[in-house]
PDB file of N, CA and C in Angstrom:
ATOM      1  N   MET A   1     -86.640 -59.351  19.664  1.00  0.00           N
ATOM      2  CA  MET A   1     -85.469 -58.653  19.157  1.00  0.00           C
ATOM      3  C   MET A   1     -84.226 -59.198  19.857  1.00  0.00           C
ATOM      4  N   GLN A   2     -83.178 -59.388  19.072  1.00  0.00           N
ATOM      5  CA  GLN A   2     -81.943 -59.913  19.643  1.00  0.00           C
ATOM      6  C   GLN A   2     -81.251 -58.865  20.503  1.00  0.00           C
ATOM      7  N   ALA A   3     -80.433 -59.326  21.402  1.00  0.00           N
ATOM      8  CA  ALA A   3     -79.695 -58.411  22.279  1.00  0.00           C
ATOM      9  C   ALA A   3     -78.757 -57.551  21.431  1.00  0.00           C
ATOM     10  N   TYR A   4     -78.585 -56.304  21.823  1.00  0.00           N
ATOM     11  CA  TYR A   4     -77.778 -55.376  21.027  1.00  0.00           C
ATOM     12  C   TYR A   4     -76.346 -55.845  20.782  1.00  0.00           C
ATOM     13  N   PRO A   5     -75.612 -56.327  21.787  1.00  0.00           N
ATOM     14  CA  PRO A   5     -74.221 -56.725  21.515  1.00  0.00           C
ATOM     15  C   PRO A   5     -74.087 -57.863  20.502  1.00  0.00           C
ATOM     16  N   SER A   6     -75.117 -58.682  20.344  1.00  0.00           N
ATOM     17  CA  SER A   6     -75.026 -59.789  19.391  1.00  0.00           C
ATOM     18  C   SER A   6     -75.580 -59.431  18.014  1.00  0.00           C
ATOM     19  N   LYS A   7     -76.057 -58.205  17.845  1.00  0.00           N
ATOM     20  CA  LYS A   7     -76.596 -57.754  16.554  1.00  0.00           C
ATOM     21  C   LYS A   7     -75.451 -57.632  15.545  1.00  0.00           C
ATOM     22  N   ILE A   8     -75.684 -58.116  14.331  1.00  0.00           N
ATOM     23  CA  ILE A   8     -74.675 -58.048  13.275  1.00  0.00           C
ATOM     24  C   ILE A   8     -74.516 -56.596  12.835  1.00  0.00           C
ATOM     25  N   ILE A   9     -73.290 -56.091  12.925  1.00  0.00           N
ATOM     26  CA  ILE A   9     -73.040 -54.690  12.570  1.00  0.00           C
ATOM     27  C   ILE A   9     -72.704 -54.543  11.090  1.00  0.00           C
ATOM     28  N   CYS A  10     -72.127 -55.592  10.490  1.00  0.00           N
ATOM     29  CA  CYS A  10     -71.752 -55.524   9.078  1.00  0.00           C
ATOM     30  C   CYS A  10     -72.058 -56.859   8.407  1.00  0.00           C
ATOM     31  N   GLU A  11     -72.870 -56.800   7.367  1.00  0.00           N
ATOM     32  CA  GLU A  11     -73.229 -58.019   6.641  1.00  0.00           C
ATOM     33  C   GLU A  11     -72.022 -58.602   5.893  1.00  0.00           C
ATOM     34  N   CYS A  12     -71.110 -57.748   5.471  1.00  0.00           N
ATOM     35  CA  CYS A  12     -69.941 -58.215   4.708  1.00  0.00           C
ATOM     36  C   CYS A  12     -69.047 -59.122   5.557  1.00  0.00           C
ATOM     37  N   GLY A  13     -68.728 -58.660   6.756  1.00  0.00           N
ATOM     38  CA  GLY A  13     -67.825 -59.412   7.624  1.00  0.00           C
ATOM     39  C   GLY A  13     -68.530 -60.335   8.595  1.00  0.00           C
ATOM     40  N   GLN A  14     -69.871 -60.223   8.682  1.00  0.00           N
ATOM     41  CA  GLN A  14     -70.672 -61.035   9.604  1.00  0.00           C
ATOM     42  C   GLN A  14     -70.170 -60.930  11.044  1.00  0.00           C
ATOM     43  N   LYS A  15     -69.804 -59.729  11.453  1.00  0.00           N
ATOM     44  CA  LYS A  15     -69.343 -59.496  12.819  1.00  0.00           C
ATOM     45  C   LYS A  15     -70.443 -58.820  13.625  1.00  0.00           C
ATOM     46  N   SER A  16     -70.531 -59.196  14.887  1.00  0.00           N
ATOM     47  CA  SER A  16     -71.510 -58.584  15.783  1.00  0.00           C
ATOM     48  C   SER A  16     -70.925 -57.302  16.375  1.00  0.00           C
ATOM     49  N   ILE A  17     -71.777 -56.537  17.040  1.00  0.00           N
ATOM     50  CA  ILE A  17     -71.317 -55.318  17.700  1.00  0.00           C
ATOM     51  C   ILE A  17     -70.243 -55.665  18.731  1.00  0.00           C
ATOM     52  N   GLN A  18     -70.464 -56.720  19.512  1.00  0.00           N
ATOM     53  CA  GLN A  18     -69.487 -57.103  20.541  1.00  0.00           C
ATOM     54  C   GLN A  18     -68.163 -57.529  19.924  1.00  0.00           C
ATOM     55  N   GLU A  19     -68.210 -58.262  18.812  1.00  0.00           N
ATOM     56  CA  GLU A  19     -66.971 -58.660  18.139  1.00  0.00           C
ATOM     57  C   GLU A  19     -66.217 -57.432  17.626  1.00  0.00           C
ATOM     58  N   ALA A  20     -66.954 -56.449  17.111  1.00  0.00           N
ATOM     59  CA  ALA A  20     -66.326 -55.209  16.641  1.00  0.00           C
ATOM     60  C   ALA A  20     -65.670 -54.469  17.801  1.00  0.00           C
ATOM     61  N   ILE A  21     -66.351 -54.420  18.943  1.00  0.00           N
ATOM     62  CA  ILE A  21     -65.773 -53.772  20.129  1.00  0.00           C
ATOM     63  C   ILE A  21     -64.469 -54.464  20.519  1.00  0.00           C
ATOM     64  N   ASP A  22     -64.483 -55.791  20.555  1.00  0.00           N
ATOM     65  CA  ASP A  22     -63.283 -56.550  20.923  1.00  0.00           C
ATOM     66  C   ASP A  22     -62.134 -56.291  19.943  1.00  0.00           C
ATOM     67  N   ILE A  23     -62.452 -56.226  18.650  1.00  0.00           N
ATOM     68  CA  ILE A  23     -61.427 -55.957  17.638  1.00  0.00           C
ATOM     69  C   ILE A  23     -60.861 -54.554  17.825  1.00  0.00           C
ATOM     70  N   PHE A  24     -61.731 -53.576  18.014  1.00  0.00           N
ATOM     71  CA  PHE A  24     -61.272 -52.195  18.196  1.00  0.00           C
ATOM     72  C   PHE A  24     -60.424 -52.050  19.459  1.00  0.00           C
ATOM     73  N   LYS A  25     -60.804 -52.750  20.530  1.00  0.00           N
ATOM     74  CA  LYS A  25     -60.035 -52.666  21.778  1.00  0.00           C
ATOM     75  C   LYS A  25     -58.656 -53.297  21.639  1.00  0.00           C
ATOM     76  N   SER A  26     -58.545 -54.315  20.810  1.00  0.00           N
ATOM     77  CA  SER A  26     -57.288 -55.059  20.719  1.00  0.00           C
ATOM     78  C   SER A  26     -56.328 -54.527  19.655  1.00  0.00           C
ATOM     79  N   THR A  27     -56.703 -53.484  18.933  1.00  0.00           N
ATOM     80  CA  THR A  27     -55.833 -52.968  17.884  1.00  0.00           C
ATOM     81  C   THR A  27     -55.385 -51.542  18.178  1.00  0.00           C
ATOM     82  N   THR A  28     -54.246 -51.196  17.601  1.00  0.00           N
ATOM     83  CA  THR A  28     -53.757 -49.817  17.695  1.00  0.00           C
ATOM     84  C   THR A  28     -53.878 -49.116  16.346  1.00  0.00           C
ATOM     85  N   LEU A  29     -54.518 -49.768  15.398  1.00  0.00           N
ATOM     86  CA  LEU A  29     -54.663 -49.210  14.055  1.00  0.00           C
ATOM     87  C   LEU A  29     -55.618 -48.023  14.051  1.00  0.00           C
ATOM     88  N   PRO A  30     -55.432 -47.099  13.093  1.00  0.00           N
ATOM     89  CA  PRO A  30     -56.401 -46.011  12.947  1.00  0.00           C
ATOM     90  C   PRO A  30     -57.729 -46.566  12.429  1.00  0.00           C
ATOM     91  N   TYR A  31     -58.775 -45.752  12.501  1.00  0.00           N
ATOM     92  CA  TYR A  31     -60.130 -46.218  12.176  1.00  0.00           C
ATOM     93  C   TYR A  31     -60.217 -46.914  10.825  1.00  0.00           C
ATOM     94  N   LYS A  32     -59.685 -46.292   9.785  1.00  0.00           N
ATOM     95  CA  LYS A  32     -59.858 -46.827   8.432  1.00  0.00           C
ATOM     96  C   LYS A  32     -59.330 -48.258   8.312  1.00  0.00           C
ATOM     97  N   LYS A  33     -58.196 -48.539   8.929  1.00  0.00           N
ATOM     98  CA  LYS A  33     -57.626 -49.888   8.861  1.00  0.00           C
ATOM     99  C   LYS A  33     -58.305 -50.836   9.843  1.00  0.00           C
ATOM    100  N   ALA A  34     -58.680 -50.327  10.998  1.00  0.00           N
ATOM    101  CA  ALA A  34     -59.384 -51.161  11.978  1.00  0.00           C
ATOM    102  C   ALA A  34     -60.754 -51.563  11.442  1.00  0.00           C
ATOM    103  N   LYS A  35     -61.392 -50.673  10.691  1.00  0.00           N
ATOM    104  CA  LYS A  35     -62.696 -50.964  10.085  1.00  0.00           C
ATOM    105  C   LYS A  35     -62.594 -52.175   9.157  1.00  0.00           C
ATOM    106  N   LYS A  36     -61.483 -52.262   8.418  1.00  0.00           N
ATOM    107  CA  LYS A  36     -61.297 -53.391   7.503  1.00  0.00           C
ATOM    108  C   LYS A  36     -61.173 -54.716   8.249  1.00  0.00           C
ATOM    109  N   LEU A  37     -60.659 -54.683   9.476  1.00  0.00           N
ATOM    110  CA  LEU A  37     -60.595 -55.909  10.282  1.00  0.00           C
ATOM    111  C   LEU A  37     -61.996 -56.410  10.611  1.00  0.00           C
ATOM    112  N   VAL A  38     -62.918 -55.481  10.800  1.00  0.00           N
ATOM    113  CA  VAL A  38     -64.294 -55.841  11.142  1.00  0.00           C
ATOM    114  C   VAL A  38     -65.077 -56.213   9.894  1.00  0.00           C
ATOM    115  N   THR A  39     -65.017 -55.351   8.863  1.00  0.00           N
ATOM    116  CA  THR A  39     -65.871 -55.533   7.689  1.00  0.00           C
ATOM    117  C   THR A  39     -65.290 -56.484   6.666  1.00  0.00           C
ATOM    118  N   GLN A  40     -63.973 -56.541   6.586  1.00  0.00           N
ATOM    119  CA  GLN A  40     -63.272 -57.337   5.580  1.00  0.00           C
ATOM    120  C   GLN A  40     -63.624 -56.881   4.167  1.00  0.00           C
ATOM    121  N   CYS A  41     -63.940 -55.560   4.025  1.00  0.00           N
ATOM    122  CA  CYS A  41     -64.251 -54.994   2.713  1.00  0.00           C
ATOM    123  C   CYS A  41     -63.924 -53.504   2.723  1.00  0.00           C
ATOM    124  N   ASN A  42     -64.080 -52.861   1.565  1.00  0.00           N
ATOM    125  CA  ASN A  42     -63.834 -51.422   1.446  1.00  0.00           C
ATOM    126  C   ASN A  42     -65.122 -50.628   1.326  1.00  0.00           C
ATOM    127  N   GLN A  43     -66.261 -51.264   1.445  1.00  0.00           N
ATOM    128  CA  GLN A  43     -67.536 -50.576   1.268  1.00  0.00           C
ATOM    129  C   GLN A  43     -67.840 -49.691   2.468  1.00  0.00           C
ATOM    130  N   SER A  44     -68.753 -48.758   2.262  1.00  0.00           N
ATOM    131  CA  SER A  44     -69.120 -47.838   3.344  1.00  0.00           C
ATOM    132  C   SER A  44     -70.499 -48.165   3.906  1.00  0.00           C
ATOM    133  N   CYS A  45     -70.945 -49.395   3.746  1.00  0.00           N
ATOM    134  CA  CYS A  45     -72.304 -49.783   4.129  1.00  0.00           C
ATOM    135  C   CYS A  45     -72.598 -49.597   5.616  1.00  0.00           C
ATOM    136  N   CYS A  46     -71.624 -49.771   6.456  1.00  0.00           N
ATOM    137  CA  CYS A  46     -71.861 -49.686   7.901  1.00  0.00           C
ATOM    138  C   CYS A  46     -70.968 -48.637   8.553  1.00  0.00           C
ATOM    139  N   ASN A  47     -70.531 -47.687   7.766  1.00  0.00           N
ATOM    140  CA  ASN A  47     -69.540 -46.711   8.220  1.00  0.00           C
ATOM    141  C   ASN A  47     -69.995 -45.896   9.425  1.00  0.00           C
ATOM    142  N   GLU A  48     -71.224 -45.380   9.411  1.00  0.00           N
ATOM    143  CA  GLU A  48     -71.687 -44.524  10.513  1.00  0.00           C
ATOM    144  C   GLU A  48     -71.686 -45.265  11.845  1.00  0.00           C
ATOM    145  N   ALA A  49     -72.245 -46.461  11.844  1.00  0.00           N
ATOM    146  CA  ALA A  49     -72.325 -47.238  13.083  1.00  0.00           C
ATOM    147  C   ALA A  49     -70.931 -47.629  13.576  1.00  0.00           C
ATOM    148  N   LEU A  50     -70.073 -48.060  12.658  1.00  0.00           N
ATOM    149  CA  LEU A  50     -68.719 -48.454  13.056  1.00  0.00           C
ATOM    150  C   LEU A  50     -67.898 -47.267  13.538  1.00  0.00           C
ATOM    151  N   ARG A  51     -68.047 -46.122  12.892  1.00  0.00           N
ATOM    152  CA  ARG A  51     -67.292 -44.934  13.314  1.00  0.00           C
ATOM    153  C   ARG A  51     -67.702 -44.519  14.728  1.00  0.00           C
ATOM    154  N   MET A  52     -69.013 -44.551  15.003  1.00  0.00           N
ATOM    155  CA  MET A  52     -69.489 -44.198  16.340  1.00  0.00           C
ATOM    156  C   MET A  52     -68.935 -45.179  17.375  1.00  0.00           C
ATOM    157  N   LEU A  53     -68.978 -46.459  17.046  1.00  0.00           N
ATOM    158  CA  LEU A  53     -68.476 -47.482  17.957  1.00  0.00           C
ATOM    159  C   LEU A  53     -66.977 -47.308  18.201  1.00  0.00           C
ATOM    160  N   TYR A  54     -66.224 -47.052  17.142  1.00  0.00           N
ATOM    161  CA  TYR A  54     -64.779 -46.852  17.264  1.00  0.00           C
ATOM    162  C   TYR A  54     -64.473 -45.656  18.161  1.00  0.00           C
ATOM    163  N   GLN A  55     -65.198 -44.567  17.977  1.00  0.00           N
ATOM    164  CA  GLN A  55     -64.967 -43.372  18.788  1.00  0.00           C
ATOM    165  C   GLN A  55     -65.294 -43.622  20.257  1.00  0.00           C
ATOM    166  N   CYS A  56     -66.307 -44.433  20.514  1.00  0.00           N
ATOM    167  CA  CYS A  56     -66.648 -44.766  21.904  1.00  0.00           C
ATOM    168  C   CYS A  56     -65.545 -45.599  22.550  1.00  0.00           C
ATOM    169  N   VAL A  57     -65.000 -46.537  21.789  1.00  0.00           N
ATOM    170  CA  VAL A  57     -63.986 -47.449  22.325  1.00  0.00           C
ATOM    171  C   VAL A  57     -62.610 -46.792  22.395  1.00  0.00           C
ATOM    172  N   LYS A  58     -62.223 -46.067  21.357  1.00  0.00           N
ATOM    173  CA  LYS A  58     -60.860 -45.549  21.241  1.00  0.00           C
ATOM    174  C   LYS A  58     -60.723 -44.066  21.539  1.00  0.00           C
ATOM    175  N   GLY A  59     -61.805 -43.393  21.876  1.00  0.00           N
ATOM    176  CA  GLY A  59     -61.729 -41.964  22.152  1.00  0.00           C
ATOM    177  C   GLY A  59     -60.809 -41.661  23.322  1.00  0.00           C
ATOM    178  N   LYS A  60     -60.438 -40.399  23.453  1.00  0.00           N
ATOM    179  CA  LYS A  60     -59.549 -39.991  24.544  1.00  0.00           C
ATOM    180  C   LYS A  60     -60.151 -40.317  25.897  1.00  0.00           C
ATOM    181  N   LYS A  61     -61.461 -40.224  25.965  1.00  0.00           N
ATOM    182  CA  LYS A  61     -62.172 -40.525  27.205  1.00  0.00           C
ATOM    183  C   LYS A  61     -63.268 -41.538  26.857  1.00  0.00           C
ATOM    184  N   PRO A  62     -62.976 -42.842  26.968  1.00  0.00           N
ATOM    185  CA  PRO A  62     -63.969 -43.856  26.590  1.00  0.00           C
ATOM    186  C   PRO A  62     -65.308 -43.622  27.287  1.00  0.00           C
ATOM    187  N   ILE A  63     -66.373 -43.767  26.513  1.00  0.00           N
ATOM    188  CA  ILE A  63     -67.718 -43.551  27.043  1.00  0.00           C
ATOM    189  C   ILE A  63     -68.540 -44.824  26.924  1.00  0.00           C
ATOM    190  N   LYS A  64     -69.679 -44.820  27.576  1.00  0.00           N
ATOM    191  CA  LYS A  64     -70.592 -45.960  27.515  1.00  0.00           C
ATOM    192  C   LYS A  64     -71.059 -46.149  26.069  1.00  0.00           C
ATOM    193  N   ILE A  65     -71.066 -47.383  25.620  1.00  0.00           N
ATOM    194  CA  ILE A  65     -71.468 -47.699  24.252  1.00  0.00           C
ATOM    195  C   ILE A  65     -72.969 -47.452  24.100  1.00  0.00           C
ATOM    196  N   PRO A  66     -73.378 -46.597  23.159  1.00  0.00           N
ATOM    197  CA  PRO A  66     -74.810 -46.341  22.939  1.00  0.00           C
ATOM    198  C   PRO A  66     -75.410 -47.411  22.017  1.00  0.00           C
ATOM    199  N   TYR A  67     -75.638 -48.603  22.578  1.00  0.00           N
ATOM    200  CA  TYR A  67     -76.106 -49.735  21.775  1.00  0.00           C
ATOM    201  C   TYR A  67     -77.380 -49.420  20.996  1.00  0.00           C
ATOM    202  N   GLU A  68     -78.323 -48.721  21.617  1.00  0.00           N
ATOM    203  CA  GLU A  68     -79.588 -48.424  20.941  1.00  0.00           C
ATOM    204  C   GLU A  68     -79.363 -47.563  19.708  1.00  0.00           C
ATOM    205  N   LYS A  69     -78.510 -46.555  19.821  1.00  0.00           N
ATOM    206  CA  LYS A  69     -78.244 -45.668  18.691  1.00  0.00           C
ATOM    207  C   LYS A  69     -77.506 -46.417  17.586  1.00  0.00           C
ATOM    208  N   ILE A  70     -76.559 -47.265  17.946  1.00  0.00           N
ATOM    209  CA  ILE A  70     -75.825 -48.042  16.952  1.00  0.00           C
ATOM    210  C   ILE A  70     -76.767 -49.011  16.245  1.00  0.00           C
ATOM    211  N   ALA A  71     -77.641 -49.671  16.996  1.00  0.00           N
ATOM    212  CA  ALA A  71     -78.626 -50.578  16.397  1.00  0.00           C
ATOM    213  C   ALA A  71     -79.555 -49.810  15.464  1.00  0.00           C
ATOM    214  N   PHE A  72     -79.934 -48.593  15.854  1.00  0.00           N
ATOM    215  CA  PHE A  72     -80.785 -47.759  15.005  1.00  0.00           C
ATOM    216  C   PHE A  72     -80.078 -47.444  13.688  1.00  0.00           C
ATOM    217  N   LEU A  73     -78.797 -47.079  13.739  1.00  0.00           N
ATOM    218  CA  LEU A  73     -78.044 -46.776  12.521  1.00  0.00           C
ATOM    219  C   LEU A  73     -77.932 -48.004  11.615  1.00  0.00           C
ATOM    220  N   ILE A  74     -77.739 -49.171  12.214  1.00  0.00           N
ATOM    221  CA  ILE A  74     -77.659 -50.412  11.434  1.00  0.00           C
ATOM    222  C   ILE A  74     -78.989 -50.664  10.727  1.00  0.00           C
ATOM    223  N   ASP A  75     -80.091 -50.559  11.474  1.00  0.00           N
ATOM    224  CA  ASP A  75     -81.419 -50.791  10.899  1.00  0.00           C
ATOM    225  C   ASP A  75     -81.753 -49.760   9.829  1.00  0.00           C
ATOM    226  N   GLN A  76     -81.376 -48.514  10.066  1.00  0.00           N
ATOM    227  CA  GLN A  76     -81.642 -47.447   9.109  1.00  0.00           C
ATOM    228  C   GLN A  76     -80.935 -47.733   7.781  1.00  0.00           C
ATOM    229  N   LYS A  77     -79.699 -48.179   7.848  1.00  0.00           N
ATOM    230  CA  LYS A  77     -78.947 -48.488   6.632  1.00  0.00           C
ATOM    231  C   LYS A  77     -79.548 -49.691   5.908  1.00  0.00           C
ATOM    232  N   LYS A  78     -79.989 -50.707   6.661  1.00  0.00           N
ATOM    233  CA  LYS A  78     -80.630 -51.870   6.041  1.00  0.00           C
ATOM    234  C   LYS A  78     -81.905 -51.461   5.323  1.00  0.00           C
ATOM    235  N   ASN A  79     -82.719 -50.626   5.964  1.00  0.00           N
ATOM    236  CA  ASN A  79     -83.961 -50.159   5.353  1.00  0.00           C
ATOM    237  C   ASN A  79     -83.683 -49.348   4.091  1.00  0.00           C
ATOM    238  N   TYR A  80     -82.655 -48.524   4.124  1.00  0.00           N
ATOM    239  CA  TYR A  80     -82.273 -47.723   2.964  1.00  0.00           C
ATOM    240  C   TYR A  80     -81.860 -48.631   1.804  1.00  0.00           C
ATOM    241  N   ASN A  81     -81.046 -49.645   2.099  1.00  0.00           N
ATOM    242  CA  ASN A  81     -80.606 -50.577   1.061  1.00  0.00           C
ATOM    243  C   ASN A  81     -81.776 -51.362   0.480  1.00  0.00           C
ATOM    244  N   GLN A  82     -82.722 -51.765   1.325  1.00  0.00           N
ATOM    245  CA  GLN A  82     -83.900 -52.480   0.839  1.00  0.00           C
ATOM    246  C   GLN A  82     -84.739 -51.589  -0.061  1.00  0.00           C
ATOM    247  N   ALA A  83     -84.871 -50.318   0.289  1.00  0.00           N
ATOM    248  CA  ALA A  83     -85.633 -49.378  -0.533  1.00  0.00           C
ATOM    249  C   ALA A  83     -84.954 -49.182  -1.887  1.00  0.00           C
ATOM    250  N   LEU A  84     -83.633 -49.113  -1.895  1.00  0.00           N
ATOM    251  CA  LEU A  84     -82.912 -48.971  -3.161  1.00  0.00           C
ATOM    252  C   LEU A  84     -83.083 -50.206  -4.038  1.00  0.00           C
ATOM    253  N   ASN A  85     -83.046 -51.373  -3.426  1.00  0.00           N
ATOM    254  CA  ASN A  85     -83.201 -52.615  -4.186  1.00  0.00           C
ATOM    255  C   ASN A  85     -84.609 -52.779  -4.735  1.00  0.00           C
ATOM    256  N   ALA A  86     -85.584 -52.142  -4.107  1.00  0.00           N
ATOM    257  CA  ALA A  86     -86.973 -52.254  -4.549  1.00  0.00           C
ATOM    258  C   ALA A  86     -87.283 -51.335  -5.728  1.00  0.00           C
ATOM    259  N   LEU A  87     -86.391 -50.383  -6.009  1.00  0.00           N
ATOM    260  CA  LEU A  87     -86.617 -49.477  -7.136  1.00  0.00           C
ATOM    261  C   LEU A  87     -86.534 -50.241  -8.451  1.00  0.00           C
ATOM    262  N   PRO A  88     -87.365 -49.849  -9.425  1.00  0.00           N
ATOM    263  CA  PRO A  88     -87.329 -50.551 -10.724  1.00  0.00           C
ATOM    264  C   PRO A  88     -86.089 -50.238 -11.521  1.00  0.00           C
TER     265      PRO A  88
END
């Protein structure tokens, strides 16, 4: 298994978790606009994981990044999308 910070958080923008953290740290934009910098799209495919990451980075009291939980949310969404694509 690849290291959590290098895991791709959004297939649309091909950004890793670490790249998303760096983008969120370097911007003053609100979540919705900062998300577009990472995803480069308007889809909600990775919204839960990105929202959690944004809150960890930009919250009033920054907390330790829960890489395992974010990776779980990414995998859960991928599995859901694969199940939808497998439907007839």
